[in-house]
Amino acid sequence: MLTVMTPGAAAIRPLNPETHGAWTRVLAKAGYMIDPWHCDVDSGAFVVGLRTLSLLGLRQNPCGIIDLVRAYDQEDRATILCILEQATATSSSFCFSAMVRRPSGSSYQLCCIGNSTLGEHGAGGSLQGVFAVPRSGSALPA
């Protein structure tokens, strides 16, 4: 079972909607704000909620994976890319937690929980899930 993740933590499991639901319930129960997102695997276009868009410092929806990954702390980027690469190779349930550093110097923890559903032979498909931000901890000190 997932405990509230520390930045840099990640997990990937075979696709199971119950896993996604259980992870999301843990974060909601811990007081995290939940914001949905989805991605078309063929185009690589992510559509994220307005709260997440603002938190990541992004200006437009949809956005690309490079836009998303650049918003995260450099120390977390390899983990995020690894999880997303695995999720686009086989249908799976996944989660990760990372820090987002704003130009102002403030930092935010951002958790991602998702499912990937791929077409036959890895062609096409989608990723969908939620981003979660702790309610109490707006920004962490720089």
C-alpha atoms as a PDB file:
ATOM      1  CA  MET A   1       0.000   0.000   0.000  1.00  0.00           C
ATOM      2  CA  LEU A   2       1.151   3.504  -0.783  1.00  0.00           C
ATOM      3  CA  THR A   3       2.012   5.818   2.051  1.00  0.00           C
ATOM      4  CA  VAL A   4       2.116   9.536   1.373  1.00  0.00           C
ATOM      5  CA  MET A   5       5.149   9.719  -0.861  1.00  0.00           C
ATOM      6  CA  THR A   6       8.323  11.609  -0.246  1.00  0.00           C
ATOM      7  CA  PRO A   7       9.809  13.478  -3.218  1.00  0.00           C
ATOM      8  CA  GLY A   8      11.807  11.147  -5.434  1.00  0.00           C
ATOM      9  CA  ALA A   9       9.641   8.101  -4.610  1.00  0.00           C
ATOM     10  CA  ALA A  10       7.989   6.165  -7.435  1.00  0.00           C
ATOM     11  CA  ALA A  11       6.203   2.886  -8.133  1.00  0.00           C
ATOM     12  CA  ILE A  12       4.809   1.080 -11.144  1.00  0.00           C
ATOM     13  CA  ARG A  13       2.539  -1.991 -11.136  1.00  0.00           C
ATOM     14  CA  PRO A  14       0.571  -3.991 -13.713  1.00  0.00           C
ATOM     15  CA  LEU A  15      -2.585  -2.122 -14.723  1.00  0.00           C
ATOM     16  CA  ASN A  16      -5.199  -2.321 -11.987  1.00  0.00           C
ATOM     17  CA  PRO A  17      -7.848   0.399 -11.596  1.00  0.00           C
ATOM     18  CA  GLU A  18      -8.145  -0.557  -7.918  1.00  0.00           C
ATOM     19  CA  THR A  19      -4.475   0.303  -7.374  1.00  0.00           C
ATOM     20  CA  HIS A  20      -5.044   3.769  -8.876  1.00  0.00           C
ATOM     21  CA  GLY A  21      -8.166   4.255  -6.757  1.00  0.00           C
ATOM     22  CA  ALA A  22      -6.466   3.113  -3.555  1.00  0.00           C
ATOM     23  CA  TRP A  23      -3.455   5.411  -4.100  1.00  0.00           C
ATOM     24  CA  THR A  24      -5.751   8.359  -4.865  1.00  0.00           C
ATOM     25  CA  ARG A  25      -7.854   7.701  -1.742  1.00  0.00           C
ATOM     26  CA  VAL A  26      -4.707   7.679   0.424  1.00  0.00           C
ATOM     27  CA  LEU A  27      -3.691  11.131  -0.848  1.00  0.00           C
ATOM     28  CA  ALA A  28      -7.230  12.542  -0.590  1.00  0.00           C
ATOM     29  CA  LYS A  29      -7.517  11.233   2.986  1.00  0.00           C
ATOM     30  CA  ALA A  30      -4.147  12.862   3.789  1.00  0.00           C
ATOM     31  CA  GLY A  31      -5.609  16.227   2.706  1.00  0.00           C
ATOM     32  CA  TYR A  32      -4.078  16.550  -0.770  1.00  0.00           C
ATOM     33  CA  MET A  33      -5.858  18.604  -3.456  1.00  0.00           C
ATOM     34  CA  ILE A  34      -6.585  16.365  -6.447  1.00  0.00           C
ATOM     35  CA  ASP A  35      -6.402  17.644 -10.040  1.00  0.00           C
ATOM     36  CA  PRO A  36      -7.122  15.330 -13.040  1.00  0.00           C
ATOM     37  CA  TRP A  37      -4.955  14.996 -16.160  1.00  0.00           C
ATOM     38  CA  HIS A  38      -4.805  12.857 -19.309  1.00  0.00           C
ATOM     39  CA  CYS A  39      -2.409  12.244 -22.178  1.00  0.00           C
ATOM     40  CA  ASP A  40      -2.745  10.865 -25.691  1.00  0.00           C
ATOM     41  CA  VAL A  41       0.180   8.465 -26.169  1.00  0.00           C
ATOM     42  CA  ASP A  42       0.371   8.959 -29.951  1.00  0.00           C
ATOM     43  CA  SER A  43       0.690  12.740 -29.815  1.00  0.00           C
ATOM     44  CA  GLY A  44       2.353  12.987 -26.401  1.00  0.00           C
ATOM     45  CA  ALA A  45      -0.014  15.853 -25.543  1.00  0.00           C
ATOM     46  CA  PHE A  46      -0.833  16.192 -21.834  1.00  0.00           C
ATOM     47  CA  VAL A  47      -3.916  18.077 -20.649  1.00  0.00           C
ATOM     48  CA  VAL A  48      -3.608  18.997 -16.984  1.00  0.00           C
ATOM     49  CA  GLY A  49      -5.954  20.760 -14.584  1.00  0.00           C
ATOM     50  CA  LEU A  50      -5.713  24.521 -14.172  1.00  0.00           C
ATOM     51  CA  ARG A  51      -4.272  24.256 -10.647  1.00  0.00           C
ATOM     52  CA  THR A  52      -1.474  21.974 -11.867  1.00  0.00           C
ATOM     53  CA  LEU A  53      -0.877  24.111 -14.953  1.00  0.00           C
ATOM     54  CA  SER A  54      -0.324  27.125 -12.710  1.00  0.00           C
ATOM     55  CA  LEU A  55       1.787  25.231 -10.183  1.00  0.00           C
ATOM     56  CA  LEU A  56       4.083  23.948 -12.936  1.00  0.00           C
ATOM     57  CA  GLY A  57       4.384  27.446 -14.398  1.00  0.00           C
ATOM     58  CA  LEU A  58       2.963  26.318 -17.726  1.00  0.00           C
ATOM     59  CA  ARG A  59       0.955  28.651 -19.931  1.00  0.00           C
ATOM     60  CA  GLN A  60      -1.021  26.379 -22.211  1.00  0.00           C
ATOM     61  CA  ASN A  61      -2.966  23.162 -22.425  1.00  0.00           C
ATOM     62  CA  PRO A  62      -2.209  20.770 -23.955  1.00  0.00           C
ATOM     63  CA  CYS A  63       1.488  20.675 -23.154  1.00  0.00           C
ATOM     64  CA  GLY A  64       4.255  18.215 -23.982  1.00  0.00           C
ATOM     65  CA  ILE A  65       6.208  15.876 -21.763  1.00  0.00           C
ATOM     66  CA  ILE A  66       9.310  18.066 -22.004  1.00  0.00           C
ATOM     67  CA  ASP A  67       7.289  21.033 -20.683  1.00  0.00           C
ATOM     68  CA  LEU A  68       6.098  18.941 -17.741  1.00  0.00           C
ATOM     69  CA  VAL A  69       9.465  17.427 -16.896  1.00  0.00           C
ATOM     70  CA  ARG A  70      11.318  20.766 -17.043  1.00  0.00           C
ATOM     71  CA  ALA A  71       9.053  22.092 -14.279  1.00  0.00           C
ATOM     72  CA  TYR A  72      10.296  19.438 -11.855  1.00  0.00           C
ATOM     73  CA  ASP A  73      13.438  19.607  -9.756  1.00  0.00           C
ATOM     74  CA  GLN A  74      16.388  18.332 -11.774  1.00  0.00           C
ATOM     75  CA  GLU A  75      17.047  15.583  -9.202  1.00  0.00           C
ATOM     76  CA  ASP A  76      13.612  14.044  -9.889  1.00  0.00           C
ATOM     77  CA  ARG A  77      13.538  14.218 -13.695  1.00  0.00           C
ATOM     78  CA  ALA A  78      15.212  10.854 -14.417  1.00  0.00           C
ATOM     79  CA  THR A  79      12.764   9.057 -12.103  1.00  0.00           C
ATOM     80  CA  ILE A  80       9.769  10.705 -13.762  1.00  0.00           C
ATOM     81  CA  LEU A  81      10.983   9.907 -17.274  1.00  0.00           C
ATOM     82  CA  CYS A  82      11.712   6.290 -16.276  1.00  0.00           C
ATOM     83  CA  ILE A  83       8.203   5.812 -14.840  1.00  0.00           C
ATOM     84  CA  LEU A  84       6.524   7.394 -17.875  1.00  0.00           C
ATOM     85  CA  GLU A  85       8.670   5.356 -20.255  1.00  0.00           C
ATOM     86  CA  GLN A  86       7.657   2.141 -18.503  1.00  0.00           C
ATOM     87  CA  ALA A  87       4.010   3.241 -18.467  1.00  0.00           C
ATOM     88  CA  THR A  88       4.040   3.730 -22.243  1.00  0.00           C
ATOM     89  CA  ALA A  89       5.638   0.314 -22.809  1.00  0.00           C
ATOM     90  CA  THR A  90       2.934  -1.733 -21.082  1.00  0.00           C
ATOM     91  CA  SER A  91      -0.454  -0.983 -19.563  1.00  0.00           C
ATOM     92  CA  SER A  92       0.180  -0.152 -15.928  1.00  0.00           C
ATOM     93  CA  SER A  93      -0.702   1.772 -12.786  1.00  0.00           C
ATOM     94  CA  PHE A  94       2.006   4.149 -11.611  1.00  0.00           C
ATOM     95  CA  CYS A  95       2.790   6.932  -9.180  1.00  0.00           C
ATOM     96  CA  PHE A  96       5.623   9.282  -8.377  1.00  0.00           C
ATOM     97  CA  SER A  97       6.307  12.258  -6.169  1.00  0.00           C
ATOM     98  CA  ALA A  98       8.661  15.094  -7.025  1.00  0.00           C
ATOM     99  CA  MET A  99       9.490  18.662  -6.151  1.00  0.00           C
ATOM    100  CA  VAL A 100       8.527  21.579  -8.357  1.00  0.00           C
ATOM    101  CA  ARG A 101      10.805  24.598  -8.007  1.00  0.00           C
ATOM    102  CA  ARG A 102       9.384  27.963  -9.028  1.00  0.00           C
ATOM    103  CA  PRO A 103      11.531  30.811 -10.405  1.00  0.00           C
ATOM    104  CA  SER A 104      10.741  32.698  -7.174  1.00  0.00           C
ATOM    105  CA  GLY A 105      12.639  29.989  -5.272  1.00  0.00           C
ATOM    106  CA  SER A 106       9.591  28.416  -3.603  1.00  0.00           C
ATOM    107  CA  SER A 107       9.167  24.628  -3.817  1.00  0.00           C
ATOM    108  CA  TYR A 108       6.095  22.410  -3.957  1.00  0.00           C
ATOM    109  CA  GLN A 109       5.646  18.679  -3.622  1.00  0.00           C
ATOM    110  CA  LEU A 110       3.585  17.282  -6.492  1.00  0.00           C
ATOM    111  CA  CYS A 111       2.403  13.665  -6.583  1.00  0.00           C
ATOM    112  CA  CYS A 112       1.234  11.963  -9.758  1.00  0.00           C
ATOM    113  CA  ILE A 113      -0.954   8.863  -9.874  1.00  0.00           C
ATOM    114  CA  GLY A 114      -1.911   7.381 -13.212  1.00  0.00           C
ATOM    115  CA  ASN A 115      -2.959   4.472 -15.378  1.00  0.00           C
ATOM    116  CA  SER A 116      -1.763   3.692 -18.860  1.00  0.00           C
ATOM    117  CA  THR A 117      -3.995   1.848 -21.275  1.00  0.00           C
ATOM    118  CA  LEU A 118      -2.242   0.887 -24.483  1.00  0.00           C
ATOM    119  CA  GLY A 119      -3.520  -0.490 -27.764  1.00  0.00           C
ATOM    120  CA  GLU A 120      -2.485  -3.829 -29.206  1.00  0.00           C
ATOM    121  CA  HIS A 121       1.249  -4.192 -29.806  1.00  0.00           C
ATOM    122  CA  GLY A 122       1.882  -0.917 -27.948  1.00  0.00           C
ATOM    123  CA  ALA A 123       0.172   1.200 -30.621  1.00  0.00           C
ATOM    124  CA  GLY A 124      -1.817   4.173 -29.407  1.00  0.00           C
ATOM    125  CA  GLY A 125      -3.465   4.432 -26.056  1.00  0.00           C
ATOM    126  CA  SER A 126      -3.751   6.898 -23.253  1.00  0.00           C
ATOM    127  CA  LEU A 127      -2.448   7.849 -19.858  1.00  0.00           C
ATOM    128  CA  GLN A 128      -4.796   9.350 -17.309  1.00  0.00           C
ATOM    129  CA  GLY A 129      -4.746  10.131 -13.658  1.00  0.00           C
ATOM    130  CA  VAL A 130      -4.437  12.825 -11.049  1.00  0.00           C
ATOM    131  CA  PHE A 131      -1.855  15.236  -9.727  1.00  0.00           C
ATOM    132  CA  ALA A 132      -2.035  15.812  -5.982  1.00  0.00           C
ATOM    133  CA  VAL A 133      -0.659  18.698  -3.918  1.00  0.00           C
ATOM    134  CA  PRO A 134      -0.668  18.891  -0.105  1.00  0.00           C
ATOM    135  CA  ARG A 135      -3.317  21.405   1.018  1.00  0.00           C
ATOM    136  CA  SER A 136      -1.509  22.518   4.122  1.00  0.00           C
ATOM    137  CA  GLY A 137       1.888  22.952   2.633  1.00  0.00           C
ATOM    138  CA  SER A 138       1.489  25.571  -0.001  1.00  0.00           C
ATOM    139  CA  ALA A 139       5.121  26.394  -0.650  1.00  0.00           C
ATOM    140  CA  LEU A 140       8.108  24.934   1.131  1.00  0.00           C
ATOM    141  CA  PRO A 141      10.951  27.280   2.027  1.00  0.00           C
ATOM    142  CA  ALA A 142      13.576  27.743  -0.686  1.00  0.00           C
END
